[in-house]
Amino acid sequence: MRAKYAFIEAEKATVNEDGTPRYTVTAMCTWLGVATSGFYDWLTRPASATARRRAELGALIEHLFEQHDGTYGYRRIHAALSRMGRPCDPETVRAIMRERGLVACQPRAKRRCTTKQGQEVADVPDLVNRDFTSAAPGAKLVGDITYVRTWEGWLYVALVIDCCSRAIVGYAMADHYKTPLITEAIEMAARNLDLPKNAIFHSDRGSNYMSDEYAAVLARLGLSRSVGRTGICFDNALAESTNGALKVELVNRKQFPTREMARRDIARWIELFYNRRRLHSGLGYKTPNEILESHRESPKV
């Protein structure tokens, strides 16, 4: 019954072009099979304590949804509420988001491919074997190239992700996807993290990742090269999922007139949102920077 009354309350404010009400309260009550007197009694009745708490929670959920630019589904909203000291049932969060029409951004269908297969290098192993966990930052890194459409043409983005913290620790952008694009991202990662001896850098078998130029940069940085199997996206799943987050949460929701505008927005998304504020389910709903900071504060053995 309350749902019918709430519907009438919402609809009675709608008007025709001439300003007259589109539907009268009496007509809507008749259509919905409720008494007009019952509607007005409901309208003047004070809200219960439960209803007030639900309304307050709904306002907070809507604030969090807007604060994170519509990228959070109910699980992340639930985690954010818990971090704020407002724990509640996740199904309650989902129900309130549904009531308020709060739908997180969704992925699009796949996808233009940027991977050009390189020559087979028999002695390059897969050192990761789909284990994208790591006990310490910098010990295991993964990388991939994705692409962004602008009105000027494609912008190619190389990312380097730390398996321990899920942080994007290196990135580079250019109007090409030649080897210098990926080496620039790797060099940035080496500046941002202390890389232990024989740290692993894992990628797919794209031609740039199989090149001698790329191998020389890894050797200079003391990184062990690792590659997945040809055409098996699950062998580089962490990099693929990070690219997917970039597309879903930023790129697919905007148009970029210039490559420079895309560069600026992507860098802002990485530095100010993804690494600093985005809660990751795989990190126990912590942020990448929180994980990195916890390792910096841990005493060295």
C-alpha atoms as a PDB file:
ATOM      1  CA  MET A   1       0.000   0.000   0.000  1.00  0.00           C
ATOM      2  CA  ARG A   2       2.793   2.434   0.879  1.00  0.00           C
ATOM      3  CA  ALA A   3       4.316   1.892  -2.552  1.00  0.00           C
ATOM      4  CA  LYS A   4       1.036   2.894  -4.226  1.00  0.00           C
ATOM      5  CA  TYR A   5       0.753   6.011  -2.074  1.00  0.00           C
ATOM      6  CA  ALA A   6       4.365   6.935  -2.837  1.00  0.00           C
ATOM      7  CA  PHE A   7       3.669   6.517  -6.566  1.00  0.00           C
ATOM      8  CA  ILE A   8       0.636   8.820  -6.350  1.00  0.00           C
ATOM      9  CA  GLU A   9       2.673  11.400  -4.425  1.00  0.00           C
ATOM     10  CA  ALA A  10       5.374  11.354  -7.112  1.00  0.00           C
ATOM     11  CA  GLU A  11       2.973  11.494 -10.054  1.00  0.00           C
ATOM     12  CA  LYS A  12       0.660  14.212  -8.777  1.00  0.00           C
ATOM     13  CA  ALA A  13       3.385  16.773  -9.395  1.00  0.00           C
ATOM     14  CA  THR A  14       3.486  16.066 -13.153  1.00  0.00           C
ATOM     15  CA  VAL A  15       1.698  18.619 -15.318  1.00  0.00           C
ATOM     16  CA  ASN A  16       0.629  19.078 -18.924  1.00  0.00           C
ATOM     17  CA  GLU A  17       2.115  21.718 -21.223  1.00  0.00           C
ATOM     18  CA  ASP A  18      -0.566  24.193 -20.134  1.00  0.00           C
ATOM     19  CA  GLY A  19       0.333  23.708 -16.474  1.00  0.00           C
ATOM     20  CA  THR A  20      -2.725  21.675 -15.493  1.00  0.00           C
ATOM     21  CA  PRO A  21      -2.218  18.437 -13.531  1.00  0.00           C
ATOM     22  CA  ARG A  22      -1.742  15.428 -15.780  1.00  0.00           C
ATOM     23  CA  TYR A  23      -3.522  13.104 -13.364  1.00  0.00           C
ATOM     24  CA  THR A  24      -5.758  13.932 -10.432  1.00  0.00           C
ATOM     25  CA  VAL A  25      -5.259  12.274  -7.076  1.00  0.00           C
ATOM     26  CA  THR A  26      -8.807  10.918  -7.216  1.00  0.00           C
ATOM     27  CA  ALA A  27      -8.244   9.322 -10.624  1.00  0.00           C
ATOM     28  CA  MET A  28      -4.960   7.717  -9.596  1.00  0.00           C
ATOM     29  CA  CYS A  29      -6.481   6.362  -6.380  1.00  0.00           C
ATOM     30  CA  THR A  30      -9.284   4.816  -8.419  1.00  0.00           C
ATOM     31  CA  TRP A  31      -6.854   3.244 -10.908  1.00  0.00           C
ATOM     32  CA  LEU A  32      -4.728   1.787  -8.117  1.00  0.00           C
ATOM     33  CA  GLY A  33      -7.677   0.606  -6.036  1.00  0.00           C
ATOM     34  CA  VAL A  34      -6.987   2.704  -2.938  1.00  0.00           C
ATOM     35  CA  ALA A  35      -9.138   5.178  -1.042  1.00  0.00           C
ATOM     36  CA  THR A  36      -8.478   8.876  -1.540  1.00  0.00           C
ATOM     37  CA  SER A  37      -8.912   9.413   2.198  1.00  0.00           C
ATOM     38  CA  GLY A  38      -6.323   6.723   2.849  1.00  0.00           C
ATOM     39  CA  PHE A  39      -3.806   8.519   0.611  1.00  0.00           C
ATOM     40  CA  TYR A  40      -4.255  11.844   2.410  1.00  0.00           C
ATOM     41  CA  ASP A  41      -4.052  10.109   5.785  1.00  0.00           C
ATOM     42  CA  TRP A  42      -0.746   8.514   4.710  1.00  0.00           C
ATOM     43  CA  LEU A  43       0.497  11.871   3.411  1.00  0.00           C
ATOM     44  CA  THR A  44      -0.012  13.642   6.744  1.00  0.00           C
ATOM     45  CA  ARG A  45       1.156  10.776   8.946  1.00  0.00           C
ATOM     46  CA  PRO A  46       4.587  11.388  10.560  1.00  0.00           C
ATOM     47  CA  ALA A  47       7.335   9.180   9.169  1.00  0.00           C
ATOM     48  CA  SER A  48       8.324   6.275  11.404  1.00  0.00           C
ATOM     49  CA  ALA A  49      11.794   6.101  12.908  1.00  0.00           C
ATOM     50  CA  THR A  50      12.588   3.239  10.525  1.00  0.00           C
ATOM     51  CA  ALA A  51      11.463   5.275   7.526  1.00  0.00           C
ATOM     52  CA  ARG A  52      13.559   8.236   8.648  1.00  0.00           C
ATOM     53  CA  ARG A  53      16.651   6.052   9.064  1.00  0.00           C
ATOM     54  CA  ARG A  54      16.099   4.527   5.628  1.00  0.00           C
ATOM     55  CA  ALA A  55      15.695   7.986   4.083  1.00  0.00           C
ATOM     56  CA  GLU A  56      18.923   9.169   5.740  1.00  0.00           C
ATOM     57  CA  LEU A  57      20.744   6.052   4.552  1.00  0.00           C
ATOM     58  CA  GLY A  58      19.363   6.572   1.053  1.00  0.00           C
ATOM     59  CA  ALA A  59      20.648  10.143   0.969  1.00  0.00           C
ATOM     60  CA  LEU A  60      24.094   8.973   2.087  1.00  0.00           C
ATOM     61  CA  ILE A  61      24.135   6.193  -0.521  1.00  0.00           C
ATOM     62  CA  GLU A  62      23.191   8.682  -3.227  1.00  0.00           C
ATOM     63  CA  HIS A  63      25.972  11.014  -2.062  1.00  0.00           C
ATOM     64  CA  LEU A  64      28.561   8.201  -2.235  1.00  0.00           C
ATOM     65  CA  PHE A  65      27.314   7.141  -5.660  1.00  0.00           C
ATOM     66  CA  GLU A  66      27.661  10.683  -7.018  1.00  0.00           C
ATOM     67  CA  GLN A  67      30.994  11.235  -5.222  1.00  0.00           C
ATOM     68  CA  HIS A  68      32.432   8.252  -7.114  1.00  0.00           C
ATOM     69  CA  ASP A  69      30.944   9.393 -10.418  1.00  0.00           C
ATOM     70  CA  GLY A  70      28.498   6.526 -10.747  1.00  0.00           C
ATOM     71  CA  THR A  71      31.209   3.851 -10.785  1.00  0.00           C
ATOM     72  CA  TYR A  72      30.276   2.086  -7.536  1.00  0.00           C
ATOM     73  CA  GLY A  73      27.807  -0.791  -7.433  1.00  0.00           C
ATOM     74  CA  TYR A  74      26.119  -1.894  -4.241  1.00  0.00           C
ATOM     75  CA  ARG A  75      29.086  -3.935  -2.963  1.00  0.00           C
ATOM     76  CA  ARG A  76      31.498  -0.995  -3.072  1.00  0.00           C
ATOM     77  CA  ILE A  77      28.864   1.354  -1.663  1.00  0.00           C
ATOM     78  CA  HIS A  78      28.333  -1.143   1.182  1.00  0.00           C
ATOM     79  CA  ALA A  79      32.093  -1.258   1.812  1.00  0.00           C
ATOM     80  CA  ALA A  80      32.317   2.544   1.764  1.00  0.00           C
ATOM     81  CA  LEU A  81      29.499   2.784   4.319  1.00  0.00           C
ATOM     82  CA  SER A  82      31.280   0.298   6.585  1.00  0.00           C
ATOM     83  CA  ARG A  83      34.485   2.360   6.371  1.00  0.00           C
ATOM     84  CA  MET A  84      32.444   5.395   7.464  1.00  0.00           C
ATOM     85  CA  GLY A  85      31.103   3.564  10.511  1.00  0.00           C
ATOM     86  CA  ARG A  86      27.659   3.062   8.960  1.00  0.00           C
ATOM     87  CA  PRO A  87      27.436  -0.726   8.538  1.00  0.00           C
ATOM     88  CA  CYS A  88      24.241  -2.187   7.112  1.00  0.00           C
ATOM     89  CA  ASP A  89      23.103  -5.214   5.152  1.00  0.00           C
ATOM     90  CA  PRO A  90      24.374  -5.221   1.540  1.00  0.00           C
ATOM     91  CA  GLU A  91      20.933  -6.273   0.306  1.00  0.00           C
ATOM     92  CA  THR A  92      19.491  -3.143   1.909  1.00  0.00           C
ATOM     93  CA  VAL A  93      22.018  -1.079  -0.041  1.00  0.00           C
ATOM     94  CA  ARG A  94      21.085  -2.862  -3.253  1.00  0.00           C
ATOM     95  CA  ALA A  95      17.360  -2.312  -2.638  1.00  0.00           C
ATOM     96  CA  ILE A  96      17.803   1.399  -1.910  1.00  0.00           C
ATOM     97  CA  MET A  97      19.978   1.876  -4.993  1.00  0.00           C
ATOM     98  CA  ARG A  98      17.310   0.159  -7.088  1.00  0.00           C
ATOM     99  CA  GLU A  99      14.584   2.369  -5.587  1.00  0.00           C
ATOM    100  CA  ARG A 100      16.574   5.502  -6.393  1.00  0.00           C
ATOM    101  CA  GLY A 101      17.607   4.402  -9.877  1.00  0.00           C
ATOM    102  CA  LEU A 102      21.319   4.314  -9.027  1.00  0.00           C
ATOM    103  CA  VAL A 103      22.877   2.010 -11.616  1.00  0.00           C
ATOM    104  CA  ALA A 104      26.670   1.775 -11.818  1.00  0.00           C
ATOM    105  CA  CYS A 105      28.306   2.160 -15.230  1.00  0.00           C
ATOM    106  CA  GLN A 106      28.383  -1.078 -17.224  1.00  0.00           C
ATOM    107  CA  PRO A 107      30.968  -2.558 -19.628  1.00  0.00           C
ATOM    108  CA  ARG A 108      30.473  -2.406 -23.374  1.00  0.00           C
ATOM    109  CA  ALA A 109      30.881  -5.264 -25.784  1.00  0.00           C
ATOM    110  CA  LYS A 110      34.439  -6.178 -26.774  1.00  0.00           C
ATOM    111  CA  ARG A 111      36.720  -4.930 -28.599  1.00  0.00           C
ATOM    112  CA  ARG A 112      39.369  -3.730 -31.021  1.00  0.00           C
ATOM    113  CA  CYS A 113      42.589  -5.690 -30.529  1.00  0.00           C
ATOM    114  CA  THR A 114      45.964  -3.941 -30.219  1.00  0.00           C
ATOM    115  CA  THR A 115      48.083  -7.062 -29.826  1.00  0.00           C
ATOM    116  CA  LYS A 116      50.264  -7.906 -32.800  1.00  0.00           C
ATOM    117  CA  GLN A 117      51.856 -11.260 -32.223  1.00  0.00           C
ATOM    118  CA  GLY A 118      55.611 -11.144 -31.997  1.00  0.00           C
ATOM    119  CA  GLN A 119      58.015 -13.803 -33.047  1.00  0.00           C
ATOM    120  CA  GLU A 120      57.971 -16.819 -30.764  1.00  0.00           C
ATOM    121  CA  VAL A 121      60.793 -16.720 -28.249  1.00  0.00           C
ATOM    122  CA  ALA A 122      61.067 -20.229 -26.909  1.00  0.00           C
ATOM    123  CA  ASP A 123      63.037 -19.422 -23.774  1.00  0.00           C
ATOM    124  CA  VAL A 124      60.615 -16.826 -22.313  1.00  0.00           C
ATOM    125  CA  PRO A 125      58.593 -18.644 -19.629  1.00  0.00           C
ATOM    126  CA  ASP A 126      55.314 -17.856 -17.926  1.00  0.00           C
ATOM    127  CA  LEU A 127      56.531 -17.139 -14.384  1.00  0.00           C
ATOM    128  CA  VAL A 128      53.103 -16.066 -13.142  1.00  0.00           C
ATOM    129  CA  ASN A 129      50.834 -18.970 -14.137  1.00  0.00           C
ATOM    130  CA  ARG A 130      47.725 -16.885 -13.462  1.00  0.00           C
ATOM    131  CA  ASP A 131      48.776 -16.167  -9.874  1.00  0.00           C
ATOM    132  CA  PHE A 132      48.357 -12.407  -9.669  1.00  0.00           C
ATOM    133  CA  THR A 133      49.090 -12.153  -5.960  1.00  0.00           C
ATOM    134  CA  SER A 134      52.298 -10.975  -4.354  1.00  0.00           C
ATOM    135  CA  ALA A 135      53.497 -10.615  -0.787  1.00  0.00           C
ATOM    136  CA  ALA A 136      55.376  -7.364  -1.395  1.00  0.00           C
ATOM    137  CA  PRO A 137      55.064  -4.339  -3.680  1.00  0.00           C
ATOM    138  CA  GLY A 138      57.297  -4.412  -6.749  1.00  0.00           C
ATOM    139  CA  ALA A 139      57.958  -8.153  -6.720  1.00  0.00           C
ATOM    140  CA  LYS A 140      55.468  -8.960  -9.468  1.00  0.00           C
ATOM    141  CA  LEU A 141      54.270  -6.497 -12.113  1.00  0.00           C
ATOM    142  CA  VAL A 142      51.962  -6.936 -15.098  1.00  0.00           C
ATOM    143  CA  GLY A 143      51.475  -4.737 -18.130  1.00  0.00           C
ATOM    144  CA  ASP A 144      49.340  -4.269 -21.212  1.00  0.00           C
ATOM    145  CA  ILE A 145      48.402  -1.724 -23.871  1.00  0.00           C
ATOM    146  CA  THR A 146      44.898  -0.385 -24.418  1.00  0.00           C
ATOM    147  CA  TYR A 147      43.529   2.317 -26.699  1.00  0.00           C
ATOM    148  CA  VAL A 148      41.277   5.365 -26.463  1.00  0.00           C
ATOM    149  CA  ARG A 149      39.356   6.947 -29.322  1.00  0.00           C
ATOM    150  CA  THR A 150      39.696  10.726 -29.718  1.00  0.00           C
ATOM    151  CA  TRP A 151      38.540  13.036 -32.507  1.00  0.00           C
ATOM    152  CA  GLU A 152      42.197  13.319 -33.537  1.00  0.00           C
ATOM    153  CA  GLY A 153      42.627   9.527 -33.748  1.00  0.00           C
ATOM    154  CA  TRP A 154      43.657   6.756 -31.379  1.00  0.00           C
ATOM    155  CA  LEU A 155      45.577   7.363 -28.164  1.00  0.00           C
ATOM    156  CA  TYR A 156      47.430   4.268 -26.940  1.00  0.00           C
ATOM    157  CA  VAL A 157      47.903   3.739 -23.214  1.00  0.00           C
ATOM    158  CA  ALA A 158      50.472   1.411 -21.624  1.00  0.00           C
ATOM    159  CA  LEU A 159      49.851   0.485 -17.990  1.00  0.00           C
ATOM    160  CA  VAL A 160      52.039  -1.257 -15.405  1.00  0.00           C
ATOM    161  CA  ILE A 161      50.188  -2.728 -12.410  1.00  0.00           C
ATOM    162  CA  ASP A 162      51.678  -3.932  -9.129  1.00  0.00           C
ATOM    163  CA  CYS A 163      50.208  -7.323  -8.174  1.00  0.00           C
ATOM    164  CA  CYS A 164      50.508  -6.743  -4.431  1.00  0.00           C
ATOM    165  CA  SER A 165      48.642  -3.434  -4.216  1.00  0.00           C
ATOM    166  CA  ARG A 166      46.803  -3.366  -7.580  1.00  0.00           C
ATOM    167  CA  ALA A 167      48.225   0.147  -7.971  1.00  0.00           C
ATOM    168  CA  ILE A 168      48.947   1.486 -11.435  1.00  0.00           C
ATOM    169  CA  VAL A 169      52.600   2.286 -10.801  1.00  0.00           C
ATOM    170  CA  GLY A 170      53.611   3.159 -14.346  1.00  0.00           C
ATOM    171  CA  TYR A 171      51.849   4.484 -17.422  1.00  0.00           C
ATOM    172  CA  ALA A 172      52.597   6.140 -20.734  1.00  0.00           C
ATOM    173  CA  MET A 173      50.445   7.497 -23.574  1.00  0.00           C
ATOM    174  CA  ALA A 174      51.189   8.190 -27.237  1.00  0.00           C
ATOM    175  CA  ASP A 175      49.671   8.185 -30.721  1.00  0.00           C
ATOM    176  CA  HIS A 176      51.440   4.882 -31.448  1.00  0.00           C
ATOM    177  CA  TYR A 177      51.997   1.560 -29.706  1.00  0.00           C
ATOM    178  CA  LYS A 178      55.636   1.031 -30.521  1.00  0.00           C
ATOM    179  CA  THR A 179      58.139  -0.334 -28.022  1.00  0.00           C
ATOM    180  CA  PRO A 180      59.109   3.071 -26.496  1.00  0.00           C
ATOM    181  CA  LEU A 181      55.528   3.390 -25.242  1.00  0.00           C
ATOM    182  CA  ILE A 182      55.818   0.315 -23.016  1.00  0.00           C
ATOM    183  CA  THR A 183      59.399   0.970 -21.943  1.00  0.00           C
ATOM    184  CA  GLU A 184      58.423   4.473 -20.777  1.00  0.00           C
ATOM    185  CA  ALA A 185      55.700   2.948 -18.582  1.00  0.00           C
ATOM    186  CA  ILE A 186      58.129   0.378 -17.164  1.00  0.00           C
ATOM    187  CA  GLU A 187      60.738   3.057 -16.435  1.00  0.00           C
ATOM    188  CA  MET A 188      58.092   5.022 -14.518  1.00  0.00           C
ATOM    189  CA  ALA A 189      57.217   1.928 -12.472  1.00  0.00           C
ATOM    190  CA  ALA A 190      60.902   1.446 -11.612  1.00  0.00           C
ATOM    191  CA  ARG A 191      61.059   5.036 -10.346  1.00  0.00           C
ATOM    192  CA  ASN A 192      57.900   4.676  -8.264  1.00  0.00           C
ATOM    193  CA  LEU A 193      58.708   1.359  -6.566  1.00  0.00           C
ATOM    194  CA  ASP A 194      61.762  -0.271  -5.066  1.00  0.00           C
ATOM    195  CA  LEU A 195      62.054  -3.337  -7.282  1.00  0.00           C
ATOM    196  CA  PRO A 196      63.616  -6.357  -5.563  1.00  0.00           C
ATOM    197  CA  LYS A 197      66.183  -8.446  -7.388  1.00  0.00           C
ATOM    198  CA  ASN A 198      64.594 -10.662 -10.050  1.00  0.00           C
ATOM    199  CA  ALA A 199      61.224  -8.952  -9.806  1.00  0.00           C
ATOM    200  CA  ILE A 200      58.865 -10.254 -12.492  1.00  0.00           C
ATOM    201  CA  PHE A 201      57.303  -8.253 -15.301  1.00  0.00           C
ATOM    202  CA  HIS A 202      54.532 -10.206 -17.031  1.00  0.00           C
ATOM    203  CA  SER A 203      52.767  -9.409 -20.312  1.00  0.00           C
ATOM    204  CA  ASP A 204      51.112 -10.975 -23.327  1.00  0.00           C
ATOM    205  CA  ARG A 205      53.055 -12.011 -26.439  1.00  0.00           C
ATOM    206  CA  GLY A 206      52.552  -8.776 -28.356  1.00  0.00           C
ATOM    207  CA  SER A 207      55.342  -7.872 -30.757  1.00  0.00           C
ATOM    208  CA  ASN A 208      56.569  -4.999 -28.566  1.00  0.00           C
ATOM    209  CA  TYR A 209      56.785  -7.193 -25.490  1.00  0.00           C
ATOM    210  CA  MET A 210      58.794  -9.769 -27.451  1.00  0.00           C
ATOM    211  CA  SER A 211      61.246  -7.253 -28.941  1.00  0.00           C
ATOM    212  CA  ASP A 212      64.978  -7.083 -28.225  1.00  0.00           C
ATOM    213  CA  GLU A 213      64.664  -3.397 -27.278  1.00  0.00           C
ATOM    214  CA  TYR A 214      62.116  -4.235 -24.581  1.00  0.00           C
ATOM    215  CA  ALA A 215      64.200  -7.180 -23.320  1.00  0.00           C
ATOM    216  CA  ALA A 216      67.225  -4.905 -22.958  1.00  0.00           C
ATOM    217  CA  VAL A 217      65.282  -2.436 -20.802  1.00  0.00           C
ATOM    218  CA  LEU A 218      64.069  -5.228 -18.525  1.00  0.00           C
ATOM    219  CA  ALA A 219      67.611  -6.563 -18.200  1.00  0.00           C
ATOM    220  CA  ARG A 220      68.944  -3.121 -17.300  1.00  0.00           C
ATOM    221  CA  LEU A 221      66.265  -2.764 -14.600  1.00  0.00           C
ATOM    222  CA  GLY A 222      66.910  -6.272 -13.265  1.00  0.00           C
ATOM    223  CA  LEU A 223      63.426  -7.518 -14.167  1.00  0.00           C
ATOM    224  CA  SER A 224      62.686 -11.111 -15.139  1.00  0.00           C
ATOM    225  CA  ARG A 225      60.576 -11.325 -18.291  1.00  0.00           C
ATOM    226  CA  SER A 226      57.403 -13.433 -18.209  1.00  0.00           C
ATOM    227  CA  VAL A 227      54.747 -13.908 -20.904  1.00  0.00           C
ATOM    228  CA  GLY A 228      51.433 -15.708 -21.163  1.00  0.00           C
ATOM    229  CA  ARG A 229      50.374 -18.040 -23.915  1.00  0.00           C
ATOM    230  CA  THR A 230      49.340 -16.777 -27.327  1.00  0.00           C
ATOM    231  CA  GLY A 231      45.735 -15.562 -27.432  1.00  0.00           C
ATOM    232  CA  ILE A 232      44.854 -16.556 -23.842  1.00  0.00           C
ATOM    233  CA  CYS A 233      43.591 -13.400 -22.119  1.00  0.00           C
ATOM    234  CA  PHE A 234      43.299 -15.153 -18.731  1.00  0.00           C
ATOM    235  CA  ASP A 235      47.093 -15.456 -18.665  1.00  0.00           C
ATOM    236  CA  ASN A 236      47.219 -11.673 -18.181  1.00  0.00           C
ATOM    237  CA  ALA A 237      43.902 -11.263 -16.400  1.00  0.00           C
ATOM    238  CA  LEU A 238      44.931  -8.559 -13.923  1.00  0.00           C
ATOM    239  CA  ALA A 239      46.147  -6.231 -16.665  1.00  0.00           C
ATOM    240  CA  GLU A 240      43.032  -6.984 -18.726  1.00  0.00           C
ATOM    241  CA  SER A 241      40.718  -6.199 -15.807  1.00  0.00           C
ATOM    242  CA  THR A 242      42.538  -2.931 -15.058  1.00  0.00           C
ATOM    243  CA  ASN A 243      42.196  -1.879 -18.686  1.00  0.00           C
ATOM    244  CA  GLY A 244      38.526  -2.793 -18.399  1.00  0.00           C
ATOM    245  CA  ALA A 245      38.077  -0.579 -15.346  1.00  0.00           C
ATOM    246  CA  LEU A 246      39.649   2.346 -17.204  1.00  0.00           C
ATOM    247  CA  LYS A 247      37.277   1.824 -20.136  1.00  0.00           C
ATOM    248  CA  VAL A 248      34.106   1.300 -18.087  1.00  0.00           C
ATOM    249  CA  GLU A 249      34.671   3.981 -15.460  1.00  0.00           C
ATOM    250  CA  LEU A 250      36.117   6.725 -17.660  1.00  0.00           C
ATOM    251  CA  VAL A 251      36.731   6.217 -21.364  1.00  0.00           C
ATOM    252  CA  ASN A 252      33.391   4.762 -22.469  1.00  0.00           C
ATOM    253  CA  ARG A 253      31.489   7.531 -20.702  1.00  0.00           C
ATOM    254  CA  LYS A 254      33.198  10.475 -22.408  1.00  0.00           C
ATOM    255  CA  GLN A 255      34.241  11.848 -25.755  1.00  0.00           C
ATOM    256  CA  PHE A 256      37.702  13.325 -26.142  1.00  0.00           C
ATOM    257  CA  PRO A 257      38.162  16.028 -28.800  1.00  0.00           C
ATOM    258  CA  THR A 258      41.960  15.846 -28.499  1.00  0.00           C
ATOM    259  CA  ARG A 259      44.572  13.350 -27.386  1.00  0.00           C
ATOM    260  CA  GLU A 260      45.812  15.869 -24.834  1.00  0.00           C
ATOM    261  CA  MET A 261      42.387  16.008 -23.178  1.00  0.00           C
ATOM    262  CA  ALA A 262      42.330  12.205 -23.013  1.00  0.00           C
ATOM    263  CA  ARG A 263      45.862  12.144 -21.534  1.00  0.00           C
ATOM    264  CA  ARG A 264      44.875  14.633 -18.856  1.00  0.00           C
ATOM    265  CA  ASP A 265      41.686  12.815 -17.841  1.00  0.00           C
ATOM    266  CA  ILE A 266      43.342   9.382 -17.816  1.00  0.00           C
ATOM    267  CA  ALA A 267      46.225  10.626 -15.658  1.00  0.00           C
ATOM    268  CA  ARG A 268      43.734  12.233 -13.277  1.00  0.00           C
ATOM    269  CA  TRP A 269      41.697   9.003 -13.105  1.00  0.00           C
ATOM    270  CA  ILE A 270      44.833   6.976 -12.289  1.00  0.00           C
ATOM    271  CA  GLU A 271      46.408   9.335  -9.775  1.00  0.00           C
ATOM    272  CA  LEU A 272      43.384  10.849  -8.038  1.00  0.00           C
ATOM    273  CA  PHE A 273      40.760   8.121  -8.250  1.00  0.00           C
ATOM    274  CA  TYR A 274      42.037   4.635  -9.071  1.00  0.00           C
ATOM    275  CA  ASN A 275      45.135   4.576  -6.864  1.00  0.00           C
ATOM    276  CA  ARG A 276      43.913   6.895  -4.145  1.00  0.00           C
ATOM    277  CA  ARG A 277      40.152   6.395  -3.679  1.00  0.00           C
ATOM    278  CA  ARG A 278      38.858   3.335  -5.554  1.00  0.00           C
ATOM    279  CA  LEU A 279      38.031   0.424  -3.247  1.00  0.00           C
ATOM    280  CA  HIS A 280      39.121  -2.989  -4.576  1.00  0.00           C
ATOM    281  CA  SER A 281      37.277  -6.160  -3.664  1.00  0.00           C
ATOM    282  CA  GLY A 282      40.525  -8.120  -4.088  1.00  0.00           C
ATOM    283  CA  LEU A 283      42.161  -5.901  -1.452  1.00  0.00           C
ATOM    284  CA  GLY A 284      39.422  -6.332   1.139  1.00  0.00           C
ATOM    285  CA  TYR A 285      37.846  -3.087  -0.081  1.00  0.00           C
ATOM    286  CA  LYS A 286      40.941  -1.005   0.540  1.00  0.00           C
ATOM    287  CA  THR A 287      42.618   1.317  -1.931  1.00  0.00           C
ATOM    288  CA  PRO A 288      45.925   0.575  -3.694  1.00  0.00           C
ATOM    289  CA  ASN A 289      47.617   3.457  -1.908  1.00  0.00           C
ATOM    290  CA  GLU A 290      46.490   2.124   1.473  1.00  0.00           C
ATOM    291  CA  ILE A 291      48.147  -1.212   0.707  1.00  0.00           C
ATOM    292  CA  LEU A 292      51.363   0.493  -0.415  1.00  0.00           C
ATOM    293  CA  GLU A 293      51.380   2.654   2.700  1.00  0.00           C
ATOM    294  CA  SER A 294      50.853  -0.347   4.985  1.00  0.00           C
ATOM    295  CA  HIS A 295      53.948  -2.003   3.507  1.00  0.00           C
ATOM    296  CA  ARG A 296      56.005   1.175   3.935  1.00  0.00           C
ATOM    297  CA  GLU A 297      55.022   1.293   7.608  1.00  0.00           C
ATOM    298  CA  SER A 298      55.741  -2.408   8.233  1.00  0.00           C
ATOM    299  CA  PRO A 299      59.118  -3.014   9.890  1.00  0.00           C
ATOM    300  CA  LYS A 300      61.697  -4.570   7.594  1.00  0.00           C
ATOM    301  CA  VAL A 301      62.851  -8.004   8.709  1.00  0.00           C
END
